[in-house]
């Protein structure tokens, strides 16, 4: 008798997108500048979740610039 299969298929391996260029703050925008500052502090503290969040917020900035 064969052993029961506990998963439907091989696991999916997602790529790490570490080489993607981070968004740069738009000159003169205080919101972008604050997100960039928070991102820098988070990176210095090893908080890569916050770094990623800041990148997403900067890309989806409410002012519409990217």
N, C-alpha and C. Protein backbone atom coordinates (compact mmCIF):
# COMPACT_ATOMS: atom_id res chain seq x y z
N UNK A 1 0.84 -1.18 0.00
CA UNK A 1 0.00 0.00 0.00
C UNK A 1 0.88 1.24 0.00
N UNK A 2 0.50 2.24 -0.78
CA UNK A 2 1.32 3.45 -0.87
C UNK A 2 1.01 4.42 0.27
N UNK A 3 1.97 5.27 0.52
CA UNK A 3 1.81 6.26 1.59
C UNK A 3 0.87 7.38 1.13
N UNK A 4 0.06 7.89 2.03
CA UNK A 4 -0.88 8.96 1.71
C UNK A 4 -0.13 10.24 1.35
N UNK A 5 -0.63 10.93 0.35
CA UNK A 5 -0.05 12.21 -0.06
C UNK A 5 -0.70 13.32 0.76
N UNK A 6 0.10 14.13 1.43
CA UNK A 6 -0.45 15.15 2.33
C UNK A 6 -0.46 16.53 1.70
N UNK A 7 -0.07 16.65 0.46
CA UNK A 7 -0.09 17.94 -0.23
C UNK A 7 -0.46 17.70 -1.69
N UNK A 8 -1.10 18.68 -2.34
CA UNK A 8 -1.59 18.46 -3.69
C UNK A 8 -0.49 18.46 -4.76
N UNK A 9 0.59 19.17 -4.53
CA UNK A 9 1.67 19.24 -5.51
C UNK A 9 2.92 19.79 -4.85
N UNK A 10 3.97 19.94 -5.64
CA UNK A 10 5.21 20.49 -5.09
C UNK A 10 4.97 21.91 -4.60
N UNK A 11 5.70 22.34 -3.56
CA UNK A 11 5.52 23.71 -3.07
C UNK A 11 5.97 24.73 -4.11
N UNK A 12 5.35 25.88 -4.07
CA UNK A 12 5.69 26.97 -4.98
C UNK A 12 6.77 27.81 -4.32
N UNK A 13 7.83 28.08 -5.05
CA UNK A 13 8.89 28.94 -4.53
C UNK A 13 8.80 30.29 -5.22
N UNK A 14 8.54 31.33 -4.43
CA UNK A 14 8.41 32.67 -4.97
C UNK A 14 9.78 33.35 -4.98
N UNK A 15 10.04 34.18 -5.97
CA UNK A 15 11.34 34.84 -6.05
C UNK A 15 11.47 35.96 -5.01
N UNK A 16 12.68 36.16 -4.52
CA UNK A 16 12.97 37.30 -3.67
C UNK A 16 13.33 38.46 -4.59
N UNK A 17 12.60 39.53 -4.48
CA UNK A 17 12.82 40.66 -5.37
C UNK A 17 13.73 41.71 -4.71
N UNK A 18 14.88 41.27 -4.24
CA UNK A 18 15.80 42.16 -3.54
C UNK A 18 16.51 43.12 -4.49
N UNK A 19 16.52 42.79 -5.79
CA UNK A 19 17.22 43.65 -6.73
C UNK A 19 16.31 44.71 -7.34
N UNK A 20 15.04 44.77 -6.91
CA UNK A 20 14.12 45.78 -7.40
C UNK A 20 14.51 47.13 -6.81
N UNK A 21 14.53 48.14 -7.65
CA UNK A 21 14.92 49.48 -7.20
C UNK A 21 13.83 50.06 -6.30
N UNK A 22 14.25 50.58 -5.16
CA UNK A 22 13.29 51.19 -4.24
C UNK A 22 12.85 52.55 -4.77
N UNK A 23 11.62 52.94 -4.47
CA UNK A 23 11.17 54.26 -4.90
C UNK A 23 11.95 55.36 -4.18
N UNK A 24 12.17 56.45 -4.89
CA UNK A 24 12.86 57.60 -4.31
C UNK A 24 11.82 58.65 -3.93
N UNK A 25 12.06 59.38 -2.84
CA UNK A 25 11.10 60.43 -2.47
C UNK A 25 11.09 61.54 -3.51
N UNK A 26 9.90 62.08 -3.76
CA UNK A 26 9.77 63.19 -4.69
C UNK A 26 10.23 64.46 -3.98
N UNK A 27 11.09 65.20 -4.64
CA UNK A 27 11.65 66.42 -4.05
C UNK A 27 10.54 67.40 -3.69
N UNK A 28 10.59 67.91 -2.47
CA UNK A 28 9.61 68.89 -2.02
C UNK A 28 8.35 68.30 -1.43
N UNK A 29 8.22 66.98 -1.39
CA UNK A 29 7.02 66.35 -0.83
C UNK A 29 7.31 65.88 0.59
N UNK A 30 6.66 66.48 1.59
CA UNK A 30 6.92 66.08 2.98
C UNK A 30 6.50 64.64 3.28
N UNK A 31 5.44 64.15 2.63
CA UNK A 31 5.00 62.77 2.85
C UNK A 31 6.04 61.77 2.39
N UNK A 32 6.59 62.01 1.19
CA UNK A 32 7.63 61.13 0.67
C UNK A 32 8.88 61.17 1.55
N UNK A 33 9.23 62.37 1.99
CA UNK A 33 10.43 62.52 2.84
C UNK A 33 10.25 61.75 4.15
N UNK A 34 9.08 61.84 4.75
CA UNK A 34 8.84 61.11 6.01
C UNK A 34 8.89 59.61 5.80
N UNK A 35 8.29 59.13 4.71
CA UNK A 35 8.34 57.69 4.43
C UNK A 35 9.78 57.22 4.21
N UNK A 36 10.58 58.02 3.53
CA UNK A 36 11.98 57.67 3.31
C UNK A 36 12.75 57.64 4.63
N UNK A 37 12.46 58.59 5.53
CA UNK A 37 13.13 58.62 6.84
C UNK A 37 12.74 57.41 7.68
N UNK A 38 11.46 57.08 7.69
CA UNK A 38 10.99 55.90 8.44
C UNK A 38 11.63 54.65 7.87
N UNK A 39 11.70 54.56 6.55
CA UNK A 39 12.31 53.40 5.89
C UNK A 39 13.78 53.25 6.29
N UNK A 40 14.51 54.37 6.31
CA UNK A 40 15.92 54.33 6.69
C UNK A 40 16.10 53.87 8.14
N UNK A 41 15.26 54.40 9.04
CA UNK A 41 15.35 53.98 10.45
C UNK A 41 14.99 52.51 10.61
N UNK A 42 13.98 52.06 9.89
CA UNK A 42 13.57 50.66 9.97
C UNK A 42 14.68 49.74 9.46
N UNK A 43 15.31 50.12 8.36
CA UNK A 43 16.40 49.31 7.81
C UNK A 43 17.57 49.23 8.81
N UNK A 44 17.88 50.36 9.45
CA UNK A 44 18.97 50.39 10.44
C UNK A 44 18.65 49.47 11.62
N UNK A 45 17.37 49.34 11.95
CA UNK A 45 16.96 48.48 13.05
C UNK A 45 16.66 47.05 12.64
N UNK A 46 16.81 46.73 11.35
CA UNK A 46 16.57 45.37 10.88
C UNK A 46 15.11 45.03 10.67
N UNK A 47 14.24 46.04 10.62
CA UNK A 47 12.81 45.81 10.45
C UNK A 47 12.45 45.88 8.96
N UNK A 48 12.67 44.78 8.26
CA UNK A 48 12.45 44.76 6.82
C UNK A 48 10.97 44.79 6.44
N UNK A 49 10.09 44.42 7.37
CA UNK A 49 8.66 44.52 7.11
C UNK A 49 8.26 45.99 6.94
N UNK A 50 8.75 46.84 7.83
CA UNK A 50 8.45 48.27 7.74
C UNK A 50 9.12 48.88 6.52
N UNK A 51 10.31 48.41 6.17
CA UNK A 51 10.98 48.89 4.94
C UNK A 51 10.08 48.61 3.74
N UNK A 52 9.57 47.40 3.66
CA UNK A 52 8.70 47.02 2.55
C UNK A 52 7.41 47.83 2.56
N UNK A 53 6.83 48.01 3.74
CA UNK A 53 5.60 48.81 3.84
C UNK A 53 5.83 50.24 3.35
N UNK A 54 6.94 50.84 3.74
CA UNK A 54 7.24 52.20 3.31
C UNK A 54 7.41 52.27 1.79
N UNK A 55 8.03 51.26 1.22
CA UNK A 55 8.18 51.23 -0.24
C UNK A 55 6.81 51.16 -0.92
N UNK A 56 5.92 50.34 -0.39
CA UNK A 56 4.57 50.23 -0.97
C UNK A 56 3.83 51.55 -0.82
N UNK A 57 3.89 52.15 0.38
CA UNK A 57 3.21 53.43 0.58
C UNK A 57 3.77 54.52 -0.33
N UNK A 58 5.07 54.51 -0.52
CA UNK A 58 5.68 55.52 -1.38
C UNK A 58 5.25 55.32 -2.84
N UNK A 59 5.14 54.07 -3.27
CA UNK A 59 4.69 53.80 -4.64
C UNK A 59 3.22 54.15 -4.84
N UNK A 60 2.44 54.02 -3.78
CA UNK A 60 1.01 54.30 -3.86
C UNK A 60 0.66 55.61 -3.15
N UNK A 61 1.55 56.55 -3.23
CA UNK A 61 1.41 57.83 -2.55
C UNK A 61 0.09 58.49 -2.95
N UNK A 62 -0.64 59.05 -1.98
CA UNK A 62 -1.93 59.67 -2.28
C UNK A 62 -1.84 60.85 -3.26
N UNK A 63 -0.70 61.48 -3.33
CA UNK A 63 -0.54 62.60 -4.26
C UNK A 63 -0.44 62.12 -5.71
N UNK A 64 -0.18 60.83 -5.89
CA UNK A 64 -0.14 60.27 -7.23
C UNK A 64 1.20 60.33 -7.92
N UNK A 65 2.23 60.78 -7.23
CA UNK A 65 3.53 60.76 -7.87
C UNK A 65 4.30 59.52 -7.44
N UNK A 66 5.09 58.97 -8.36
CA UNK A 66 5.84 57.75 -8.06
C UNK A 66 7.25 57.84 -8.56
